[in-house]
PDB file of N, CA and C in Angstrom:
ATOM      1  N   UNK A   1     -17.888  -1.656   1.321  1.00  0.00           N
ATOM      2  CA  UNK A   1     -16.573  -1.083   1.547  1.00  0.00           C
ATOM      3  C   UNK A   1     -15.529  -2.184   1.751  1.00  0.00           C
ATOM      4  N   UNK A   2     -15.870  -3.212   2.519  1.00  0.00           N
ATOM      5  CA  UNK A   2     -14.933  -4.298   2.783  1.00  0.00           C
ATOM      6  C   UNK A   2     -14.511  -4.976   1.493  1.00  0.00           C
ATOM      7  N   UNK A   3     -15.456  -5.195   0.583  1.00  0.00           N
ATOM      8  CA  UNK A   3     -15.135  -5.841  -0.688  1.00  0.00           C
ATOM      9  C   UNK A   3     -14.134  -5.006  -1.473  1.00  0.00           C
ATOM     10  N   UNK A   4     -14.301  -3.700  -1.474  1.00  0.00           N
ATOM     11  CA  UNK A   4     -13.387  -2.812  -2.202  1.00  0.00           C
ATOM     12  C   UNK A   4     -11.982  -2.901  -1.623  1.00  0.00           C
ATOM     13  N   UNK A   5     -11.881  -2.890  -0.306  1.00  0.00           N
ATOM     14  CA  UNK A   5     -10.576  -2.932   0.348  1.00  0.00           C
ATOM     15  C   UNK A   5      -9.871  -4.259   0.063  1.00  0.00           C
ATOM     16  N   UNK A   6     -10.589  -5.361   0.180  1.00  0.00           N
ATOM     17  CA  UNK A   6      -9.988  -6.664  -0.104  1.00  0.00           C
ATOM     18  C   UNK A   6      -9.651  -6.803  -1.587  1.00  0.00           C
ATOM     19  N   UNK A   7     -10.496  -6.257  -2.449  1.00  0.00           N
ATOM     20  CA  UNK A   7     -10.234  -6.286  -3.887  1.00  0.00           C
ATOM     21  C   UNK A   7      -8.950  -5.531  -4.213  1.00  0.00           C
ATOM     22  N   UNK A   8      -8.745  -4.406  -3.565  1.00  0.00           N
ATOM     23  CA  UNK A   8      -7.532  -3.627  -3.798  1.00  0.00           C
ATOM     24  C   UNK A   8      -6.290  -4.430  -3.424  1.00  0.00           C
ATOM     25  N   UNK A   9      -6.339  -5.162  -2.322  1.00  0.00           N
ATOM     26  CA  UNK A   9      -5.196  -5.979  -1.913  1.00  0.00           C
ATOM     27  C   UNK A   9      -4.914  -7.072  -2.944  1.00  0.00           C
ATOM     28  N   UNK A  10      -5.951  -7.764  -3.382  1.00  0.00           N
ATOM     29  CA  UNK A  10      -5.768  -8.811  -4.389  1.00  0.00           C
ATOM     30  C   UNK A  10      -5.229  -8.205  -5.685  1.00  0.00           C
ATOM     31  N   UNK A  11      -5.776  -7.070  -6.107  1.00  0.00           N
ATOM     32  CA  UNK A  11      -5.337  -6.369  -7.313  1.00  0.00           C
ATOM     33  C   UNK A  11      -3.844  -6.065  -7.223  1.00  0.00           C
ATOM     34  N   UNK A  12      -3.403  -5.515  -6.096  1.00  0.00           N
ATOM     35  CA  UNK A  12      -2.009  -5.121  -5.955  1.00  0.00           C
ATOM     36  C   UNK A  12      -1.090  -6.334  -5.833  1.00  0.00           C
ATOM     37  N   UNK A  13      -1.563  -7.430  -5.238  1.00  0.00           N
ATOM     38  CA  UNK A  13      -0.753  -8.652  -5.190  1.00  0.00           C
ATOM     39  C   UNK A  13      -0.548  -9.195  -6.597  1.00  0.00           C
ATOM     40  N   UNK A  14      -1.607  -9.212  -7.395  1.00  0.00           N
ATOM     41  CA  UNK A  14      -1.498  -9.690  -8.779  1.00  0.00           C
ATOM     42  C   UNK A  14      -0.570  -8.785  -9.581  1.00  0.00           C
ATOM     43  N   UNK A  15      -0.728  -7.464  -9.446  1.00  0.00           N
ATOM     44  CA  UNK A  15       0.175  -6.533 -10.139  1.00  0.00           C
ATOM     45  C   UNK A  15       1.618  -6.752  -9.708  1.00  0.00           C
ATOM     46  N   UNK A  16       1.824  -6.940  -8.410  1.00  0.00           N
ATOM     47  CA  UNK A  16       3.170  -7.153  -7.884  1.00  0.00           C
ATOM     48  C   UNK A  16       3.783  -8.418  -8.478  1.00  0.00           C
ATOM     49  N   UNK A  17       3.029  -9.499  -8.524  1.00  0.00           N
ATOM     50  CA  UNK A  17       3.541 -10.744  -9.093  1.00  0.00           C
ATOM     51  C   UNK A  17       3.876 -10.585 -10.573  1.00  0.00           C
ATOM     52  N   UNK A  18       3.032  -9.857 -11.308  1.00  0.00           N
ATOM     53  CA  UNK A  18       3.328  -9.602 -12.726  1.00  0.00           C
ATOM     54  C   UNK A  18       4.648  -8.855 -12.875  1.00  0.00           C
ATOM     55  N   UNK A  19       4.836  -7.820 -12.041  1.00  0.00           N
ATOM     56  CA  UNK A  19       6.077  -7.047 -12.111  1.00  0.00           C
ATOM     57  C   UNK A  19       7.271  -7.884 -11.660  1.00  0.00           C
ATOM     58  N   UNK A  20       7.079  -8.696 -10.642  1.00  0.00           N
ATOM     59  CA  UNK A  20       8.161  -9.519 -10.110  1.00  0.00           C
ATOM     60  C   UNK A  20       8.628 -10.540 -11.139  1.00  0.00           C
ATOM     61  N   UNK A  21       7.684 -11.143 -11.865  1.00  0.00           N
ATOM     62  CA  UNK A  21       8.043 -12.122 -12.879  1.00  0.00           C
ATOM     63  C   UNK A  21       8.760 -11.483 -14.067  1.00  0.00           C
ATOM     64  N   UNK A  22       8.629 -10.171 -14.214  1.00  0.00           N
ATOM     65  CA  UNK A  22       9.329  -9.417 -15.250  1.00  0.00           C
ATOM     66  C   UNK A  22      10.222  -8.371 -14.579  1.00  0.00           C
ATOM     67  N   UNK A  23      10.972  -8.821 -13.583  1.00  0.00           N
ATOM     68  CA  UNK A  23      11.735  -7.917 -12.723  1.00  0.00           C
ATOM     69  C   UNK A  23      12.712  -7.034 -13.491  1.00  0.00           C
ATOM     70  N   UNK A  24      13.357  -7.564 -14.524  1.00  0.00           N
ATOM     71  CA  UNK A  24      14.357  -6.787 -15.265  1.00  0.00           C
ATOM     72  C   UNK A  24      13.775  -5.509 -15.836  1.00  0.00           C
ATOM     73  N   UNK A  25      12.530  -5.541 -16.256  1.00  0.00           N
ATOM     74  CA  UNK A  25      11.912  -4.350 -16.846  1.00  0.00           C
ATOM     75  C   UNK A  25      11.007  -3.605 -15.867  1.00  0.00           C
ATOM     76  N   UNK A  26      10.792  -4.158 -14.672  1.00  0.00           N
ATOM     77  CA  UNK A  26       9.864  -3.547 -13.714  1.00  0.00           C
ATOM     78  C   UNK A  26      10.471  -3.370 -12.324  1.00  0.00           C
ATOM     79  N   UNK A  27      11.771  -3.151 -12.244  1.00  0.00           N
ATOM     80  CA  UNK A  27      12.431  -3.006 -10.944  1.00  0.00           C
ATOM     81  C   UNK A  27      11.803  -1.892 -10.115  1.00  0.00           C
ATOM     82  N   UNK A  28      11.569  -0.763 -10.728  1.00  0.00           N
ATOM     83  CA  UNK A  28      11.019   0.380 -10.002  1.00  0.00           C
ATOM     84  C   UNK A  28       9.634   0.075  -9.445  1.00  0.00           C
ATOM     85  N   UNK A  29       8.808  -0.592 -10.227  1.00  0.00           N
ATOM     86  CA  UNK A  29       7.461  -0.941  -9.771  1.00  0.00           C
ATOM     87  C   UNK A  29       7.482  -1.898  -8.595  1.00  0.00           C
ATOM     88  N   UNK A  30       8.380  -2.883  -8.643  1.00  0.00           N
ATOM     89  CA  UNK A  30       8.511  -3.846  -7.548  1.00  0.00           C
ATOM     90  C   UNK A  30       8.945  -3.137  -6.277  1.00  0.00           C
ATOM     91  N   UNK A  31       9.974  -2.307  -6.391  1.00  0.00           N
ATOM     92  CA  UNK A  31      10.489  -1.580  -5.229  1.00  0.00           C
ATOM     93  C   UNK A  31       9.443  -0.608  -4.695  1.00  0.00           C
ATOM     94  N   UNK A  32       8.718   0.051  -5.579  1.00  0.00           N
ATOM     95  CA  UNK A  32       7.674   0.990  -5.154  1.00  0.00           C
ATOM     96  C   UNK A  32       6.582   0.278  -4.379  1.00  0.00           C
ATOM     97  N   UNK A  33       6.118  -0.879  -4.859  1.00  0.00           N
ATOM     98  CA  UNK A  33       5.050  -1.590  -4.162  1.00  0.00           C
ATOM     99  C   UNK A  33       5.520  -2.124  -2.818  1.00  0.00           C
ATOM    100  N   UNK A  34       6.726  -2.664  -2.774  1.00  0.00           N
ATOM    101  CA  UNK A  34       7.256  -3.137  -1.487  1.00  0.00           C
ATOM    102  C   UNK A  34       7.346  -1.976  -0.510  1.00  0.00           C
ATOM    103  N   UNK A  35       7.821  -0.830  -0.979  1.00  0.00           N
ATOM    104  CA  UNK A  35       7.923   0.358  -0.133  1.00  0.00           C
ATOM    105  C   UNK A  35       6.553   0.792   0.371  1.00  0.00           C
ATOM    106  N   UNK A  36       5.551   0.750  -0.487  1.00  0.00           N
ATOM    107  CA  UNK A  36       4.190   1.123  -0.076  1.00  0.00           C
ATOM    108  C   UNK A  36       3.676   0.182   1.002  1.00  0.00           C
ATOM    109  N   UNK A  37       3.863  -1.120   0.808  1.00  0.00           N
ATOM    110  CA  UNK A  37       3.388  -2.076   1.803  1.00  0.00           C
ATOM    111  C   UNK A  37       4.123  -1.920   3.135  1.00  0.00           C
ATOM    112  N   UNK A  38       5.445  -1.797   3.082  1.00  0.00           N
ATOM    113  CA  UNK A  38       6.222  -1.624   4.322  1.00  0.00           C
ATOM    114  C   UNK A  38       5.804  -0.327   5.019  1.00  0.00           C
ATOM    115  N   UNK A  39       5.640   0.742   4.244  1.00  0.00           N
ATOM    116  CA  UNK A  39       5.212   2.016   4.820  1.00  0.00           C
ATOM    117  C   UNK A  39       3.829   1.933   5.447  1.00  0.00           C
ATOM    118  N   UNK A  40       2.901   1.261   4.778  1.00  0.00           N
ATOM    119  CA  UNK A  40       1.546   1.114   5.312  1.00  0.00           C
ATOM    120  C   UNK A  40       1.528   0.337   6.611  1.00  0.00           C
ATOM    121  N   UNK A  41       2.289  -0.751   6.663  1.00  0.00           N
ATOM    122  CA  UNK A  41       2.365  -1.559   7.887  1.00  0.00           C
ATOM    123  C   UNK A  41       3.012  -0.753   9.006  1.00  0.00           C
ATOM    124  N   UNK A  42       4.094  -0.048   8.690  1.00  0.00           N
ATOM    125  CA  UNK A  42       4.791   0.747   9.703  1.00  0.00           C
ATOM    126  C   UNK A  42       3.886   1.834  10.280  1.00  0.00           C
ATOM    127  N   UNK A  43       3.126   2.501   9.431  1.00  0.00           N
ATOM    128  CA  UNK A  43       2.236   3.566   9.903  1.00  0.00           C
ATOM    129  C   UNK A  43       1.140   2.999  10.807  1.00  0.00           C
ATOM    130  N   UNK A  44       0.571   1.860  10.446  1.00  0.00           N
ATOM    131  CA  UNK A  44      -0.492   1.265  11.266  1.00  0.00           C
ATOM    132  C   UNK A  44       0.067   0.796  12.612  1.00  0.00           C
ATOM    133  N   UNK A  45       1.232   0.176  12.610  1.00  0.00           N
ATOM    134  CA  UNK A  45       1.839  -0.255  13.875  1.00  0.00           C
ATOM    135  C   UNK A  45       2.169   0.955  14.735  1.00  0.00           C
ATOM    136  N   UNK A  46       2.701   1.997  14.130  1.00  0.00           N
ATOM    137  CA  UNK A  46       2.989   3.231  14.874  1.00  0.00           C
ATOM    138  C   UNK A  46       1.701   3.823  15.449  1.00  0.00           C
ATOM    139  N   UNK A  47       0.646   3.844  14.651  1.00  0.00           N
ATOM    140  CA  UNK A  47      -0.633   4.393  15.110  1.00  0.00           C
ATOM    141  C   UNK A  47      -1.199   3.583  16.276  1.00  0.00           C
ATOM    142  N   UNK A  48      -0.992   2.274  16.250  1.00  0.00           N
ATOM    143  CA  UNK A  48      -1.500   1.427  17.330  1.00  0.00           C
ATOM    144  C   UNK A  48      -0.772   1.682  18.644  1.00  0.00           C
ATOM    145  N   UNK A  49       0.439   2.216  18.552  1.00  0.00           N
ATOM    146  CA  UNK A  49       1.231   2.451  19.762  1.00  0.00           C
ATOM    147  C   UNK A  49       1.328   3.923  20.141  1.00  0.00           C
ATOM    148  N   UNK A  50       0.764   4.807  19.348  1.00  0.00           N
ATOM    149  CA  UNK A  50       0.756   6.236  19.673  1.00  0.00           C
ATOM    150  C   UNK A  50      -0.490   6.532  20.506  1.00  0.00           C
ATOM    151  N   UNK A  51      -0.321   7.259  21.580  1.00  0.00           N
ATOM    152  CA  UNK A  51      -1.449   7.494  22.483  1.00  0.00           C
ATOM    153  C   UNK A  51      -2.591   8.256  21.815  1.00  0.00           C
ATOM    154  N   UNK A  52      -2.284   9.094  20.859  1.00  0.00           N
ATOM    155  CA  UNK A  52      -3.324   9.890  20.199  1.00  0.00           C
ATOM    156  C   UNK A  52      -4.240   9.045  19.307  1.00  0.00           C
ATOM    157  N   UNK A  53      -3.747   7.896  18.819  1.00  0.00           N
ATOM    158  CA  UNK A  53      -4.536   7.079  17.895  1.00  0.00           C
ATOM    159  C   UNK A  53      -4.869   5.689  18.428  1.00  0.00           C
ATOM    160  N   UNK A  54      -4.493   5.375  19.646  1.00  0.00           N
ATOM    161  CA  UNK A  54      -4.746   4.043  20.189  1.00  0.00           C
ATOM    162  C   UNK A  54      -6.229   3.695  20.252  1.00  0.00           C
ATOM    163  N   UNK A  55      -7.056   4.688  20.453  1.00  0.00           N
ATOM    164  CA  UNK A  55      -8.496   4.420  20.557  1.00  0.00           C
ATOM    165  C   UNK A  55      -9.210   4.550  19.212  1.00  0.00           C
ATOM    166  N   UNK A  56      -8.461   4.797  18.144  1.00  0.00           N
ATOM    167  CA  UNK A  56      -9.041   4.903  16.809  1.00  0.00           C
ATOM    168  C   UNK A  56      -9.701   3.584  16.425  1.00  0.00           C
ATOM    169  N   UNK A  57     -10.953   3.663  16.005  1.00  0.00           N
ATOM    170  CA  UNK A  57     -11.684   2.488  15.547  1.00  0.00           C
ATOM    171  C   UNK A  57     -11.852   2.621  14.043  1.00  0.00           C
ATOM    172  N   UNK A  58     -11.357   1.645  13.307  1.00  0.00           N
ATOM    173  CA  UNK A  58     -11.448   1.693  11.852  1.00  0.00           C
ATOM    174  C   UNK A  58     -12.870   1.419  11.396  1.00  0.00           C
ATOM    175  N   UNK A  59     -13.291   2.040  10.312  1.00  0.00           N
ATOM    176  CA  UNK A  59     -14.649   1.809   9.791  1.00  0.00           C
ATOM    177  C   UNK A  59     -14.886   0.323   9.532  1.00  0.00           C
ATOM    178  N   UNK A  60     -16.043  -0.144   9.931  1.00  0.00           N
ATOM    179  CA  UNK A  60     -16.404  -1.535   9.727  1.00  0.00           C
ATOM    180  C   UNK A  60     -15.949  -2.471  10.827  1.00  0.00           C
ATOM    181  N   UNK A  61     -15.287  -1.926  11.837  1.00  0.00           N
ATOM    182  CA  UNK A  61     -14.857  -2.760  12.964  1.00  0.00           C
ATOM    183  C   UNK A  61     -15.379  -2.156  14.263  1.00  0.00           C
ATOM    184  N   UNK A  62     -15.222  -2.901  15.337  1.00  0.00           N
ATOM    185  CA  UNK A  62     -15.610  -2.376  16.638  1.00  0.00           C
ATOM    186  C   UNK A  62     -14.438  -2.409  17.613  1.00  0.00           C
ATOM    187  N   UNK A  63     -13.242  -2.635  17.089  1.00  0.00           N
ATOM    188  CA  UNK A  63     -12.063  -2.714  17.944  1.00  0.00           C
ATOM    189  C   UNK A  63     -11.135  -1.537  17.693  1.00  0.00           C
ATOM    190  N   UNK A  64     -10.558  -1.033  18.771  1.00  0.00           N
ATOM    191  CA  UNK A  64      -9.572   0.039  18.654  1.00  0.00           C
ATOM    192  C   UNK A  64      -8.242  -0.558  18.196  1.00  0.00           C
ATOM    193  N   UNK A  65      -7.422   0.258  17.541  1.00  0.00           N
ATOM    194  CA  UNK A  65      -6.116  -0.211  17.078  1.00  0.00           C
ATOM    195  C   UNK A  65      -5.295  -0.822  18.205  1.00  0.00           C
ATOM    196  N   UNK A  66      -5.367  -0.217  19.375  1.00  0.00           N
ATOM    197  CA  UNK A  66      -4.572  -0.680  20.515  1.00  0.00           C
ATOM    198  C   UNK A  66      -4.858  -2.143  20.851  1.00  0.00           C
ATOM    199  N   UNK A  67      -6.076  -2.600  20.653  1.00  0.00           N
ATOM    200  CA  UNK A  67      -6.459  -3.952  21.030  1.00  0.00           C
ATOM    201  C   UNK A  67      -6.167  -5.021  19.994  1.00  0.00           C
ATOM    202  N   UNK A  68      -5.628  -4.652  18.848  1.00  0.00           N
ATOM    203  CA  UNK A  68      -5.391  -5.631  17.785  1.00  0.00           C
ATOM    204  C   UNK A  68      -4.026  -6.298  17.933  1.00  0.00           C
ATOM    205  N   UNK A  69      -3.944  -7.548  17.523  1.00  0.00           N
ATOM    206  CA  UNK A  69      -2.664  -8.247  17.559  1.00  0.00           C
ATOM    207  C   UNK A  69      -1.803  -7.829  16.368  1.00  0.00           C
ATOM    208  N   UNK A  70      -0.548  -8.243  16.368  1.00  0.00           N
ATOM    209  CA  UNK A  70       0.399  -7.809  15.336  1.00  0.00           C
ATOM    210  C   UNK A  70      -0.026  -8.291  13.944  1.00  0.00           C
ATOM    211  N   UNK A  71      -0.596  -9.484  13.862  1.00  0.00           N
ATOM    212  CA  UNK A  71      -1.067  -9.979  12.569  1.00  0.00           C
ATOM    213  C   UNK A  71      -2.163  -9.104  11.989  1.00  0.00           C
ATOM    214  N   UNK A  72      -3.074  -8.672  12.837  1.00  0.00           N
ATOM    215  CA  UNK A  72      -4.154  -7.785  12.392  1.00  0.00           C
ATOM    216  C   UNK A  72      -3.606  -6.436  11.951  1.00  0.00           C
ATOM    217  N   UNK A  73      -2.631  -5.917  12.695  1.00  0.00           N
ATOM    218  CA  UNK A  73      -2.035  -4.629  12.332  1.00  0.00           C
ATOM    219  C   UNK A  73      -1.322  -4.714  10.988  1.00  0.00           C
ATOM    220  N   UNK A  74      -0.591  -5.796  10.773  1.00  0.00           N
ATOM    221  CA  UNK A  74       0.100  -5.981   9.487  1.00  0.00           C
ATOM    222  C   UNK A  74      -0.921  -6.081   8.359  1.00  0.00           C
ATOM    223  N   UNK A  75      -1.970  -6.865   8.575  1.00  0.00           N
ATOM    224  CA  UNK A  75      -3.001  -7.032   7.554  1.00  0.00           C
ATOM    225  C   UNK A  75      -3.675  -5.703   7.222  1.00  0.00           C
ATOM    226  N   UNK A  76      -4.000  -4.926   8.238  1.00  0.00           N
ATOM    227  CA  UNK A  76      -4.616  -3.612   8.015  1.00  0.00           C
ATOM    228  C   UNK A  76      -3.657  -2.698   7.261  1.00  0.00           C
ATOM    229  N   UNK A  77      -2.376  -2.751   7.607  1.00  0.00           N
ATOM    230  CA  UNK A  77      -1.385  -1.948   6.885  1.00  0.00           C
ATOM    231  C   UNK A  77      -1.304  -2.320   5.415  1.00  0.00           C
ATOM    232  N   UNK A  78      -1.359  -3.620   5.123  1.00  0.00           N
ATOM    233  CA  UNK A  78      -1.347  -4.082   3.731  1.00  0.00           C
ATOM    234  C   UNK A  78      -2.609  -3.624   2.995  1.00  0.00           C
ATOM    235  N   UNK A  79      -3.743  -3.710   3.676  1.00  0.00           N
ATOM    236  CA  UNK A  79      -5.007  -3.281   3.057  1.00  0.00           C
ATOM    237  C   UNK A  79      -4.971  -1.788   2.734  1.00  0.00           C
ATOM    238  N   UNK A  80      -4.577  -0.980   3.711  1.00  0.00           N
ATOM    239  CA  UNK A  80      -4.570   0.476   3.520  1.00  0.00           C
ATOM    240  C   UNK A  80      -3.597   0.876   2.417  1.00  0.00           C
ATOM    241  N   UNK A  81      -2.394   0.307   2.431  1.00  0.00           N
ATOM    242  CA  UNK A  81      -1.419   0.685   1.408  1.00  0.00           C
ATOM    243  C   UNK A  81      -1.819   0.167   0.026  1.00  0.00           C
ATOM    244  N   UNK A  82      -2.524  -0.947  -0.034  1.00  0.00           N
ATOM    245  CA  UNK A  82      -2.997  -1.447  -1.324  1.00  0.00           C
ATOM    246  C   UNK A  82      -4.091  -0.556  -1.889  1.00  0.00           C
ATOM    247  N   UNK A  83      -4.985  -0.065  -1.034  1.00  0.00           N
ATOM    248  CA  UNK A  83      -6.014   0.880  -1.484  1.00  0.00           C
ATOM    249  C   UNK A  83      -5.344   2.152  -2.008  1.00  0.00           C
ATOM    250  N   UNK A  84      -4.318   2.626  -1.304  1.00  0.00           N
ATOM    251  CA  UNK A  84      -3.609   3.823  -1.751  1.00  0.00           C
ATOM    252  C   UNK A  84      -2.923   3.579  -3.101  1.00  0.00           C
ATOM    253  N   UNK A  85      -2.294   2.420  -3.260  1.00  0.00           N
ATOM    254  CA  UNK A  85      -1.639   2.089  -4.529  1.00  0.00           C
ATOM    255  C   UNK A  85      -2.646   1.983  -5.667  1.00  0.00           C
ATOM    256  N   UNK A  86      -3.789   1.388  -5.382  1.00  0.00           N
ATOM    257  CA  UNK A  86      -4.838   1.287  -6.400  1.00  0.00           C
ATOM    258  C   UNK A  86      -5.351   2.675  -6.779  1.00  0.00           C
ATOM    259  N   UNK A  87      -5.472   3.561  -5.803  1.00  0.00           N
ATOM    260  CA  UNK A  87      -5.906   4.933  -6.092  1.00  0.00           C
ATOM    261  C   UNK A  87      -4.899   5.645  -6.979  1.00  0.00           C
ATOM    262  N   UNK A  88      -3.622   5.398  -6.765  1.00  0.00           N
ATOM    263  CA  UNK A  88      -2.584   5.988  -7.625  1.00  0.00           C
ATOM    264  C   UNK A  88      -2.725   5.450  -9.043  1.00  0.00           C
ATOM    265  N   UNK A  89      -2.983   4.155  -9.179  1.00  0.00           N
ATOM    266  CA  UNK A  89      -3.180   3.571 -10.511  1.00  0.00           C
ATOM    267  C   UNK A  89      -4.371   4.200 -11.219  1.00  0.00           C
ATOM    268  N   UNK A  90      -5.445   4.413 -10.489  1.00  0.00           N
ATOM    269  CA  UNK A  90      -6.642   5.033 -11.074  1.00  0.00           C
ATOM    270  C   UNK A  90      -6.339   6.474 -11.481  1.00  0.00           C
ATOM    271  N   UNK A  91      -5.606   7.193 -10.626  1.00  0.00           N
ATOM    272  CA  UNK A  91      -5.226   8.575 -10.949  1.00  0.00           C
ATOM    273  C   UNK A  91      -4.390   8.617 -12.219  1.00  0.00           C
ATOM    274  N   UNK A  92      -3.449   7.678 -12.343  1.00  0.00           N
ATOM    275  CA  UNK A  92      -2.613   7.620 -13.543  1.00  0.00           C
ATOM    276  C   UNK A  92      -3.454   7.353 -14.788  1.00  0.00           C
ATOM    277  N   UNK A  93      -4.455   6.512 -14.662  1.00  0.00           N
ATOM    278  CA  UNK A  93      -5.310   6.188 -15.801  1.00  0.00           C
ATOM    279  C   UNK A  93      -6.157   7.384 -16.221  1.00  0.00           C
ATOM    280  N   UNK A  94      -6.586   8.193 -15.252  1.00  0.00           N
ATOM    281  CA  UNK A  94      -7.416   9.361 -15.546  1.00  0.00           C
ATOM    282  C   UNK A  94      -6.571  10.529 -16.035  1.00  0.00           C
ATOM    283  N   UNK A  95      -5.379  10.695 -15.473  1.00  0.00           N
ATOM    284  CA  UNK A  95      -4.487  11.809 -15.808  1.00  0.00           C
ATOM    285  C   UNK A  95      -3.602  11.423 -16.982  1.00  0.00           C
ATOM    286  N   UNK A  96      -4.137  11.488 -18.182  1.00  0.00           N
ATOM    287  CA  UNK A  96      -3.377  11.065 -19.351  1.00  0.00           C
ATOM    288  C   UNK A  96      -2.325  12.089 -19.786  1.00  0.00           C
ATOM    289  N   UNK A  97      -2.239  13.216 -19.090  1.00  0.00           N
ATOM    290  CA  UNK A  97      -1.216  14.217 -19.415  1.00  0.00           C
ATOM    291  C   UNK A  97       0.038  14.044 -18.565  1.00  0.00           C
ATOM    292  N   UNK A  98       0.005  13.137 -17.599  1.00  0.00           N
ATOM    293  CA  UNK A  98       1.113  12.928 -16.653  1.00  0.00           C
ATOM    294  C   UNK A  98       1.463  14.189 -15.886  1.00  0.00           C
ATOM    295  N   UNK A  99       0.461  15.009 -15.597  1.00  0.00           N
ATOM    296  CA  UNK A  99       0.719  16.253 -14.889  1.00  0.00           C
ATOM    297  C   UNK A  99       1.141  16.019 -13.439  1.00  0.00           C
ATOM    298  N   UNK A 100       0.884  14.831 -12.905  1.00  0.00           N
ATOM    299  CA  UNK A 100       1.272  14.517 -11.532  1.00  0.00           C
ATOM    300  C   UNK A 100       2.324  13.410 -11.497  1.00  0.00           C
ATOM    301  N   UNK A 101       3.089  13.281 -12.568  1.00  0.00           N
ATOM    302  CA  UNK A 101       4.085  12.211 -12.666  1.00  0.00           C
ATOM    303  C   UNK A 101       5.176  12.400 -11.607  1.00  0.00           C
ATOM    304  N   UNK A 102       5.633  11.297 -11.063  1.00  0.00           N
ATOM    305  CA  UNK A 102       6.704  11.276 -10.075  1.00  0.00           C
ATOM    306  C   UNK A 102       7.886  10.515 -10.667  1.00  0.00           C
ATOM    307  N   UNK A 103       9.098  10.829 -10.234  1.00  0.00           N
ATOM    308  CA  UNK A 103      10.247  10.067 -10.735  1.00  0.00           C
ATOM    309  C   UNK A 103      10.210   8.632 -10.220  1.00  0.00           C
ATOM    310  N   UNK A 104      10.814   7.702 -10.942  1.00  0.00           N
ATOM    311  CA  UNK A 104      10.830   6.309 -10.480  1.00  0.00           C
ATOM    312  C   UNK A 104      11.683   6.156  -9.223  1.00  0.00           C
ATOM    313  N   UNK A 105      11.443   5.081  -8.480  1.00  0.00           N
ATOM    314  CA  UNK A 105      12.216   4.805  -7.270  1.00  0.00           C
ATOM    315  C   UNK A 105      13.684   4.510  -7.600  1.00  0.00           C
ATOM    316  N   UNK A 106      13.938   3.902  -8.758  1.00  0.00           N
ATOM    317  CA  UNK A 106      15.313   3.649  -9.190  1.00  0.00           C
ATOM    318  C   UNK A 106      15.444   4.131 -10.628  1.00  0.00           C
ATOM    319  N   UNK A 107      16.661   4.467 -11.039  1.00  0.00           N
ATOM    320  CA  UNK A 107      16.859   4.944 -12.408  1.00  0.00           C
ATOM    321  C   UNK A 107      17.018   3.770 -13.372  1.00  0.00           C
ATOM    322  N   UNK A 108      17.174   4.097 -14.627  1.00  0.00           N
ATOM    323  CA  UNK A 108      17.229   3.070 -15.670  1.00  0.00           C
ATOM    324  C   UNK A 108      18.363   2.052 -15.466  1.00  0.00           C
ATOM    325  N   UNK A 109      19.475   2.483 -14.879  1.00  0.00           N
ATOM    326  CA  UNK A 109      20.610   1.584 -14.684  1.00  0.00           C
ATOM    327  C   UNK A 109      20.398   0.633 -13.505  1.00  0.00           C
ATOM    328  N   UNK A 110      19.299   0.818 -12.761  1.00  0.00           N
ATOM    329  CA  UNK A 110      19.002  -0.047 -11.644  1.00  0.00           C
ATOM    330  C   UNK A 110      19.532   0.442 -10.320  1.00  0.00           C
ATOM    331  N   UNK A 111      20.132   1.627 -10.292  1.00  0.00           N
ATOM    332  CA  UNK A 111      20.652   2.185  -9.042  1.00  0.00           C
ATOM    333  C   UNK A 111      19.569   2.989  -8.331  1.00  0.00           C
ATOM    334  N   UNK A 112      19.623   2.944  -7.021  1.00  0.00           N
ATOM    335  CA  UNK A 112      18.657   3.698  -6.213  1.00  0.00           C
ATOM    336  C   UNK A 112      19.063   5.144  -6.175  1.00  0.00           C
TER     337      UNK A 112
END
């Protein structure tokens, strides 16, 4: 499981760099990935400070969220959001009809 999670992060970093280097044609993808990472980190930090989830122990660890430092929380947020992004990529590859297509984060003119 750990290998899959770390692989997803590396996969999404490589995809992000590819999109970033071609920013003019991939603005929406860059913004979407940044949003996913920021959202993942925010949710994990919120969970670490919410009383209902402070004692949550993530699979493969023996520490509760409450006991982790900020670097660990950020890293876990990046891992979780990268796995989610990779799952979306896999769904897109399987769903060749685009039946679950979502609008882009920005339109063709580059406006949000």
